[in-house]
Amino acid sequence: MLRGYWRPRAPIDFNRDVIFKVATVFGSWTFSKAELIEIERFFVDTKAPLKSLITHRYPLDQAVKLFRNLMGQRPGKCVIVMD
């Protein structure tokens, strides 16, 4: 489980990757620190099979493929991995 901020940070050229592409960036803050700790405890206590919950892993350069997979409404959980 990834809790908090991603490390190491992914490099981004804000002008090239956002401004020049007229892209929109969305952020999300969904849980407090206390809630994340509670969620972690739940997964540990129940021995939930976390690895099997993620069905597809894509490197960042295959993000388009990931979104096509999601738009095809195939079941599963897709994540972008930062190697």
PDB file of N, CA and C in Angstrom:
ATOM      1  N   MET A   1       0.852  -1.174   0.000  1.00  0.00           N
ATOM      2  CA  MET A   1       0.000   0.000   0.000  1.00  0.00           C
ATOM      3  C   MET A   1       0.890   1.227   0.000  1.00  0.00           C
ATOM      4  N   LEU A   2       0.581   2.156  -0.838  1.00  0.00           N
ATOM      5  CA  LEU A   2       1.316   3.408  -0.897  1.00  0.00           C
ATOM      6  C   LEU A   2       0.565   4.425  -0.059  1.00  0.00           C
ATOM      7  N   ARG A   3       1.226   4.915   0.969  1.00  0.00           N
ATOM      8  CA  ARG A   3       0.590   5.911   1.831  1.00  0.00           C
ATOM      9  C   ARG A   3       1.410   7.179   1.745  1.00  0.00           C
ATOM     10  N   GLY A   4       0.744   8.286   1.611  1.00  0.00           N
ATOM     11  CA  GLY A   4       1.445   9.559   1.575  1.00  0.00           C
ATOM     12  C   GLY A   4       1.824   9.947   0.161  1.00  0.00           C
ATOM     13  N   TYR A   5       2.976  10.567   0.039  1.00  0.00           N
ATOM     14  CA  TYR A   5       3.427  11.083  -1.249  1.00  0.00           C
ATOM     15  C   TYR A   5       4.365  10.099  -1.904  1.00  0.00           C
ATOM     16  N   TRP A   6       4.355  10.093  -3.220  1.00  0.00           N
ATOM     17  CA  TRP A   6       5.216   9.197  -3.973  1.00  0.00           C
ATOM     18  C   TRP A   6       6.656   9.678  -3.889  1.00  0.00           C
ATOM     19  N   ARG A   7       7.556   8.782  -3.593  1.00  0.00           N
ATOM     20  CA  ARG A   7       8.987   9.061  -3.603  1.00  0.00           C
ATOM     21  C   ARG A   7       9.646   7.986  -4.420  1.00  0.00           C
ATOM     22  N   PRO A   8      10.583   8.205  -5.287  1.00  0.00           N
ATOM     23  CA  PRO A   8      11.034   9.542  -5.634  1.00  0.00           C
ATOM     24  C   PRO A   8      10.007  10.244  -6.512  1.00  0.00           C
ATOM     25  N   ARG A   9      10.065  11.537  -6.502  1.00  0.00           N
ATOM     26  CA  ARG A   9       9.107  12.298  -7.308  1.00  0.00           C
ATOM     27  C   ARG A   9       9.402  12.122  -8.791  1.00  0.00           C
ATOM     28  N   ALA A  10       8.352  12.103  -9.564  1.00  0.00           N
ATOM     29  CA  ALA A  10       8.506  11.981 -11.012  1.00  0.00           C
ATOM     30  C   ALA A  10       8.884  13.347 -11.576  1.00  0.00           C
ATOM     31  N   PRO A  11       9.903  13.389 -12.433  1.00  0.00           N
ATOM     32  CA  PRO A  11      10.282  14.684 -13.014  1.00  0.00           C
ATOM     33  C   PRO A  11       9.210  15.158 -13.990  1.00  0.00           C
ATOM     34  N   ILE A  12       8.953  16.439 -13.971  1.00  0.00           N
ATOM     35  CA  ILE A  12       7.972  17.010 -14.893  1.00  0.00           C
ATOM     36  C   ILE A  12       8.459  18.388 -15.317  1.00  0.00           C
ATOM     37  N   ASP A  13       8.438  18.628 -16.607  1.00  0.00           N
ATOM     38  CA  ASP A  13       8.718  19.950 -17.143  1.00  0.00           C
ATOM     39  C   ASP A  13       7.354  20.618 -17.275  1.00  0.00           C
ATOM     40  N   PHE A  14       7.008  21.473 -16.342  1.00  0.00           N
ATOM     41  CA  PHE A  14       5.661  22.015 -16.270  1.00  0.00           C
ATOM     42  C   PHE A  14       5.265  22.740 -17.555  1.00  0.00           C
ATOM     43  N   ASN A  15       6.178  23.534 -18.121  1.00  0.00           N
ATOM     44  CA  ASN A  15       5.850  24.238 -19.370  1.00  0.00           C
ATOM     45  C   ASN A  15       5.556  23.250 -20.493  1.00  0.00           C
ATOM     46  N   ARG A  16       6.476  22.302 -20.722  1.00  0.00           N
ATOM     47  CA  ARG A  16       6.321  21.344 -21.820  1.00  0.00           C
ATOM     48  C   ARG A  16       5.146  20.397 -21.600  1.00  0.00           C
ATOM     49  N   ASP A  17       5.045  19.852 -20.384  1.00  0.00           N
ATOM     50  CA  ASP A  17       4.084  18.784 -20.118  1.00  0.00           C
ATOM     51  C   ASP A  17       2.680  19.260 -19.761  1.00  0.00           C
ATOM     52  N   VAL A  18       2.540  20.502 -19.333  1.00  0.00           N
ATOM     53  CA  VAL A  18       1.223  20.989 -18.920  1.00  0.00           C
ATOM     54  C   VAL A  18       0.803  22.210 -19.732  1.00  0.00           C
ATOM     55  N   ILE A  19       1.572  23.276 -19.648  1.00  0.00           N
ATOM     56  CA  ILE A  19       1.162  24.539 -20.278  1.00  0.00           C
ATOM     57  C   ILE A  19       1.094  24.419 -21.799  1.00  0.00           C
ATOM     58  N   PHE A  20       2.163  23.928 -22.436  1.00  0.00           N
ATOM     59  CA  PHE A  20       2.182  23.867 -23.899  1.00  0.00           C
ATOM     60  C   PHE A  20       1.185  22.864 -24.458  1.00  0.00           C
ATOM     61  N   LYS A  21       0.790  21.882 -23.658  1.00  0.00           N
ATOM     62  CA  LYS A  21      -0.205  20.905 -24.092  1.00  0.00           C
ATOM     63  C   LYS A  21      -1.613  21.316 -23.686  1.00  0.00           C
ATOM     64  N   VAL A  22      -1.731  22.467 -23.022  1.00  0.00           N
ATOM     65  CA  VAL A  22      -3.006  22.951 -22.511  1.00  0.00           C
ATOM     66  C   VAL A  22      -3.679  21.829 -21.706  1.00  0.00           C
ATOM     67  N   ALA A  23      -2.875  21.185 -20.879  1.00  0.00           N
ATOM     68  CA  ALA A  23      -3.366  20.072 -20.063  1.00  0.00           C
ATOM     69  C   ALA A  23      -3.966  20.592 -18.763  1.00  0.00           C
ATOM     70  N   THR A  24      -4.798  19.794 -18.174  1.00  0.00           N
ATOM     71  CA  THR A  24      -5.384  20.094 -16.875  1.00  0.00           C
ATOM     72  C   THR A  24      -4.853  19.082 -15.874  1.00  0.00           C
ATOM     73  N   VAL A  25      -4.427  19.568 -14.725  1.00  0.00           N
ATOM     74  CA  VAL A  25      -3.891  18.698 -13.684  1.00  0.00           C
ATOM     75  C   VAL A  25      -4.880  18.675 -12.529  1.00  0.00           C
ATOM     76  N   PHE A  26      -5.238  17.478 -12.092  1.00  0.00           N
ATOM     77  CA  PHE A  26      -6.146  17.318 -10.964  1.00  0.00           C
ATOM     78  C   PHE A  26      -5.401  16.663  -9.816  1.00  0.00           C
ATOM     79  N   GLY A  27      -5.629  17.149  -8.637  1.00  0.00           N
ATOM     80  CA  GLY A  27      -5.067  16.533  -7.443  1.00  0.00           C
ATOM     81  C   GLY A  27      -6.198  16.009  -6.585  1.00  0.00           C
ATOM     82  N   SER A  28      -5.838  15.165  -5.662  1.00  0.00           N
ATOM     83  CA  SER A  28      -6.863  14.577  -4.807  1.00  0.00           C
ATOM     84  C   SER A  28      -6.312  14.391  -3.406  1.00  0.00           C
ATOM     85  N   TRP A  29      -7.083  14.787  -2.429  1.00  0.00           N
ATOM     86  CA  TRP A  29      -6.737  14.581  -1.034  1.00  0.00           C
ATOM     87  C   TRP A  29      -7.946  13.907  -0.416  1.00  0.00           C
ATOM     88  N   THR A  30      -7.859  12.619  -0.192  1.00  0.00           N
ATOM     89  CA  THR A  30      -9.066  11.889   0.165  1.00  0.00           C
ATOM     90  C   THR A  30      -9.137  11.400   1.600  1.00  0.00           C
ATOM     91  N   PHE A  31      -7.996  11.181   2.245  1.00  0.00           N
ATOM     92  CA  PHE A  31      -8.021  10.630   3.594  1.00  0.00           C
ATOM     93  C   PHE A  31      -7.080  11.408   4.502  1.00  0.00           C
ATOM     94  N   SER A  32      -7.431  11.473   5.771  1.00  0.00           N
ATOM     95  CA  SER A  32      -6.532  12.073   6.752  1.00  0.00           C
ATOM     96  C   SER A  32      -5.468  11.046   7.130  1.00  0.00           C
ATOM     97  N   LYS A  33      -4.419  11.495   7.806  1.00  0.00           N
ATOM     98  CA  LYS A  33      -3.363  10.579   8.239  1.00  0.00           C
ATOM     99  C   LYS A  33      -3.936   9.495   9.150  1.00  0.00           C
ATOM    100  N   ALA A  34      -4.812   9.874  10.069  1.00  0.00           N
ATOM    101  CA  ALA A  34      -5.418   8.897  10.990  1.00  0.00           C
ATOM    102  C   ALA A  34      -6.232   7.853  10.225  1.00  0.00           C
ATOM    103  N   GLU A  35      -6.958   8.287   9.195  1.00  0.00           N
ATOM    104  CA  GLU A  35      -7.751   7.344   8.398  1.00  0.00           C
ATOM    105  C   GLU A  35      -6.852   6.381   7.622  1.00  0.00           C
ATOM    106  N   LEU A  36      -5.743   6.886   7.084  1.00  0.00           N
ATOM    107  CA  LEU A  36      -4.820   6.020   6.360  1.00  0.00           C
ATOM    108  C   LEU A  36      -4.210   4.969   7.280  1.00  0.00           C
ATOM    109  N   ILE A  37      -3.881   5.363   8.507  1.00  0.00           N
ATOM    110  CA  ILE A  37      -3.339   4.406   9.478  1.00  0.00           C
ATOM    111  C   ILE A  37      -4.381   3.344   9.804  1.00  0.00           C
ATOM    112  N   GLU A  38      -5.628   3.758   9.962  1.00  0.00           N
ATOM    113  CA  GLU A  38      -6.710   2.806  10.232  1.00  0.00           C
ATOM    114  C   GLU A  38      -6.882   1.819   9.067  1.00  0.00           C
ATOM    115  N   ILE A  39      -6.804   2.317   7.850  1.00  0.00           N
ATOM    116  CA  ILE A  39      -6.922   1.463   6.666  1.00  0.00           C
ATOM    117  C   ILE A  39      -5.766   0.466   6.620  1.00  0.00           C
ATOM    118  N   GLU A  40      -4.547   0.949   6.896  1.00  0.00           N
ATOM    119  CA  GLU A  40      -3.388   0.050   6.915  1.00  0.00           C
ATOM    120  C   GLU A  40      -3.577  -1.060   7.943  1.00  0.00           C
ATOM    121  N   ARG A  41      -4.034  -0.697   9.124  1.00  0.00           N
ATOM    122  CA  ARG A  41      -4.260  -1.701  10.172  1.00  0.00           C
ATOM    123  C   ARG A  41      -5.290  -2.738   9.727  1.00  0.00           C
ATOM    124  N   PHE A  42      -6.338  -2.272   9.061  1.00  0.00           N
ATOM    125  CA  PHE A  42      -7.358  -3.198   8.562  1.00  0.00           C
ATOM    126  C   PHE A  42      -6.739  -4.225   7.622  1.00  0.00           C
ATOM    127  N   PHE A  43      -5.936  -3.743   6.660  1.00  0.00           N
ATOM    128  CA  PHE A  43      -5.326  -4.662   5.699  1.00  0.00           C
ATOM    129  C   PHE A  43      -4.371  -5.638   6.374  1.00  0.00           C
ATOM    130  N   VAL A  44      -3.622  -5.170   7.358  1.00  0.00           N
ATOM    131  CA  VAL A  44      -2.702  -6.059   8.079  1.00  0.00           C
ATOM    132  C   VAL A  44      -3.487  -7.068   8.907  1.00  0.00           C
ATOM    133  N   ASP A  45      -4.474  -6.591   9.650  1.00  0.00           N
ATOM    134  CA  ASP A  45      -5.250  -7.471  10.536  1.00  0.00           C
ATOM    135  C   ASP A  45      -6.027  -8.537   9.770  1.00  0.00           C
ATOM    136  N   THR A  46      -6.537  -8.187   8.607  1.00  0.00           N
ATOM    137  CA  THR A  46      -7.341  -9.143   7.832  1.00  0.00           C
ATOM    138  C   THR A  46      -6.499  -9.965   6.853  1.00  0.00           C
ATOM    139  N   LYS A  47      -5.209  -9.635   6.785  1.00  0.00           N
ATOM    140  CA  LYS A  47      -4.305 -10.315   5.843  1.00  0.00           C
ATOM    141  C   LYS A  47      -4.880 -10.300   4.421  1.00  0.00           C
ATOM    142  N   ALA A  48      -5.392  -9.159   4.037  1.00  0.00           N
ATOM    143  CA  ALA A  48      -5.993  -9.000   2.704  1.00  0.00           C
ATOM    144  C   ALA A  48      -4.942  -9.255   1.621  1.00  0.00           C
ATOM    145  N   PRO A  49      -5.307  -9.952   0.550  1.00  0.00           N
ATOM    146  CA  PRO A  49      -4.363 -10.255  -0.539  1.00  0.00           C
ATOM    147  C   PRO A  49      -4.157  -9.035  -1.445  1.00  0.00           C
ATOM    148  N   LEU A  50      -3.406  -8.058  -0.971  1.00  0.00           N
ATOM    149  CA  LEU A  50      -3.284  -6.784  -1.679  1.00  0.00           C
ATOM    150  C   LEU A  50      -2.716  -6.928  -3.088  1.00  0.00           C
ATOM    151  N   LYS A  51      -1.719  -7.785  -3.266  1.00  0.00           N
ATOM    152  CA  LYS A  51      -1.106  -7.918  -4.595  1.00  0.00           C
ATOM    153  C   LYS A  51      -2.111  -8.382  -5.641  1.00  0.00           C
ATOM    154  N   SER A  52      -3.059  -9.201  -5.234  1.00  0.00           N
ATOM    155  CA  SER A  52      -4.035  -9.702  -6.207  1.00  0.00           C
ATOM    156  C   SER A  52      -5.126  -8.677  -6.521  1.00  0.00           C
ATOM    157  N   LEU A  53      -5.221  -7.606  -5.731  1.00  0.00           N
ATOM    158  CA  LEU A  53      -6.228  -6.577  -6.003  1.00  0.00           C
ATOM    159  C   LEU A  53      -5.866  -5.747  -7.232  1.00  0.00           C
ATOM    160  N   ILE A  54      -4.570  -5.595  -7.500  1.00  0.00           N
ATOM    161  CA  ILE A  54      -4.117  -4.846  -8.672  1.00  0.00           C
ATOM    162  C   ILE A  54      -3.951  -5.834  -9.816  1.00  0.00           C
ATOM    163  N   THR A  55      -4.755  -5.662 -10.849  1.00  0.00           N
ATOM    164  CA  THR A  55      -4.759  -6.621 -11.954  1.00  0.00           C
ATOM    165  C   THR A  55      -3.879  -6.201 -13.128  1.00  0.00           C
ATOM    166  N   HIS A  56      -3.596  -4.909 -13.260  1.00  0.00           N
ATOM    167  CA  HIS A  56      -2.797  -4.418 -14.380  1.00  0.00           C
ATOM    168  C   HIS A  56      -1.833  -3.352 -13.868  1.00  0.00           C
ATOM    169  N   ARG A  57      -0.564  -3.468 -14.257  1.00  0.00           N
ATOM    170  CA  ARG A  57       0.457  -2.482 -13.907  1.00  0.00           C
ATOM    171  C   ARG A  57       1.074  -1.964 -15.202  1.00  0.00           C
ATOM    172  N   TYR A  58       1.173  -0.638 -15.322  1.00  0.00           N
ATOM    173  CA  TYR A  58       1.729  -0.032 -16.523  1.00  0.00           C
ATOM    174  C   TYR A  58       2.796   0.976 -16.139  1.00  0.00           C
ATOM    175  N   PRO A  59       3.905   1.023 -16.903  1.00  0.00           N
ATOM    176  CA  PRO A  59       4.852   2.113 -16.698  1.00  0.00           C
ATOM    177  C   PRO A  59       4.237   3.406 -17.233  1.00  0.00           C
ATOM    178  N   LEU A  60       4.769   4.522 -16.799  1.00  0.00           N
ATOM    179  CA  LEU A  60       4.210   5.822 -17.173  1.00  0.00           C
ATOM    180  C   LEU A  60       4.127   5.994 -18.687  1.00  0.00           C
ATOM    181  N   ASP A  61       5.113   5.474 -19.419  1.00  0.00           N
ATOM    182  CA  ASP A  61       5.086   5.658 -20.876  1.00  0.00           C
ATOM    183  C   ASP A  61       3.986   4.848 -21.562  1.00  0.00           C
ATOM    184  N   GLN A  62       3.265   4.011 -20.812  1.00  0.00           N
ATOM    185  CA  GLN A  62       2.129   3.265 -21.366  1.00  0.00           C
ATOM    186  C   GLN A  62       0.797   3.737 -20.772  1.00  0.00           C
ATOM    187  N   ALA A  63       0.775   4.971 -20.299  1.00  0.00           N
ATOM    188  CA  ALA A  63      -0.443   5.506 -19.674  1.00  0.00           C
ATOM    189  C   ALA A  63      -1.626   5.510 -20.645  1.00  0.00           C
ATOM    190  N   VAL A  64      -1.371   5.757 -21.920  1.00  0.00           N
ATOM    191  CA  VAL A  64      -2.462   5.754 -22.905  1.00  0.00           C
ATOM    192  C   VAL A  64      -3.103   4.368 -22.963  1.00  0.00           C
ATOM    193  N   LYS A  65      -2.275   3.334 -22.959  1.00  0.00           N
ATOM    194  CA  LYS A  65      -2.789   1.959 -22.962  1.00  0.00           C
ATOM    195  C   LYS A  65      -3.620   1.698 -21.709  1.00  0.00           C
ATOM    196  N   LEU A  66      -3.161   2.194 -20.574  1.00  0.00           N
ATOM    197  CA  LEU A  66      -3.903   2.039 -19.319  1.00  0.00           C
ATOM    198  C   LEU A  66      -5.293   2.662 -19.438  1.00  0.00           C
ATOM    199  N   PHE A  67      -5.353   3.891 -19.943  1.00  0.00           N
ATOM    200  CA  PHE A  67      -6.648   4.562 -20.053  1.00  0.00           C
ATOM    201  C   PHE A  67      -7.556   3.885 -21.075  1.00  0.00           C
ATOM    202  N   ARG A  68      -6.980   3.354 -22.142  1.00  0.00           N
ATOM    203  CA  ARG A  68      -7.800   2.602 -23.105  1.00  0.00           C
ATOM    204  C   ARG A  68      -8.392   1.361 -22.439  1.00  0.00           C
ATOM    205  N   ASN A  69      -7.592   0.718 -21.603  1.00  0.00           N
ATOM    206  CA  ASN A  69      -8.070  -0.446 -20.859  1.00  0.00           C
ATOM    207  C   ASN A  69      -9.237  -0.045 -19.955  1.00  0.00           C
ATOM    208  N   LEU A  70      -9.087   1.060 -19.254  1.00  0.00           N
ATOM    209  CA  LEU A  70     -10.159   1.523 -18.368  1.00  0.00           C
ATOM    210  C   LEU A  70     -11.408   1.918 -19.153  1.00  0.00           C
ATOM    211  N   MET A  71     -11.215   2.583 -20.288  1.00  0.00           N
ATOM    212  CA  MET A  71     -12.358   3.024 -21.088  1.00  0.00           C
ATOM    213  C   MET A  71     -13.084   1.838 -21.714  1.00  0.00           C
ATOM    214  N   GLY A  72     -12.374   0.719 -21.894  1.00  0.00           N
ATOM    215  CA  GLY A  72     -12.990  -0.486 -22.427  1.00  0.00           C
ATOM    216  C   GLY A  72     -13.836  -1.204 -21.393  1.00  0.00           C
ATOM    217  N   GLN A  73     -13.896  -0.637 -20.205  1.00  0.00           N
ATOM    218  CA  GLN A  73     -14.710  -1.154 -19.098  1.00  0.00           C
ATOM    219  C   GLN A  73     -14.372  -2.600 -18.760  1.00  0.00           C
ATOM    220  N   ARG A  74     -13.094  -2.946 -18.893  1.00  0.00           N
ATOM    221  CA  ARG A  74     -12.650  -4.262 -18.442  1.00  0.00           C
ATOM    222  C   ARG A  74     -12.522  -4.215 -16.926  1.00  0.00           C
ATOM    223  N   PRO A  75     -12.918  -5.262 -16.244  1.00  0.00           N
ATOM    224  CA  PRO A  75     -12.832  -5.240 -14.783  1.00  0.00           C
ATOM    225  C   PRO A  75     -11.386  -5.286 -14.317  1.00  0.00           C
ATOM    226  N   GLY A  76     -11.134  -4.687 -13.172  1.00  0.00           N
ATOM    227  CA  GLY A  76      -9.801  -4.752 -12.587  1.00  0.00           C
ATOM    228  C   GLY A  76      -9.360  -3.421 -12.037  1.00  0.00           C
ATOM    229  N   LYS A  77      -8.195  -3.429 -11.460  1.00  0.00           N
ATOM    230  CA  LYS A  77      -7.582  -2.237 -10.877  1.00  0.00           C
ATOM    231  C   LYS A  77      -6.283  -1.989 -11.612  1.00  0.00           C
ATOM    232  N   CYS A  78      -6.154  -0.828 -12.257  1.00  0.00           N
ATOM    233  CA  CYS A  78      -4.958  -0.477 -13.008  1.00  0.00           C
ATOM    234  C   CYS A  78      -4.168   0.578 -12.242  1.00  0.00           C
ATOM    235  N   VAL A  79      -2.846   0.437 -12.253  1.00  0.00           N
ATOM    236  CA  VAL A  79      -1.991   1.435 -11.618  1.00  0.00           C
ATOM    237  C   VAL A  79      -0.818   1.750 -12.537  1.00  0.00           C
ATOM    238  N   ILE A  80      -0.284   2.952 -12.385  1.00  0.00           N
ATOM    239  CA  ILE A  80       0.943   3.344 -13.068  1.00  0.00           C
ATOM    240  C   ILE A  80       2.075   3.122 -12.081  1.00  0.00           C
ATOM    241  N   VAL A  81       3.100   2.398 -12.523  1.00  0.00           N
ATOM    242  CA  VAL A  81       4.254   2.138 -11.664  1.00  0.00           C
ATOM    243  C   VAL A  81       5.401   3.035 -12.092  1.00  0.00           C
ATOM    244  N   MET A  82       6.104   3.568 -11.120  1.00  0.00           N
ATOM    245  CA  MET A  82       7.234   4.460 -11.371  1.00  0.00           C
ATOM    246  C   MET A  82       8.516   3.705 -11.051  1.00  0.00           C
ATOM    247  N   ASP A  83       9.163   3.183 -12.087  1.00  0.00           N
ATOM    248  CA  ASP A  83      10.424   2.449 -11.875  1.00  0.00           C
ATOM    249  C   ASP A  83      11.600   3.345 -12.145  1.00  0.00           C
TER     250      ASP A  83
END
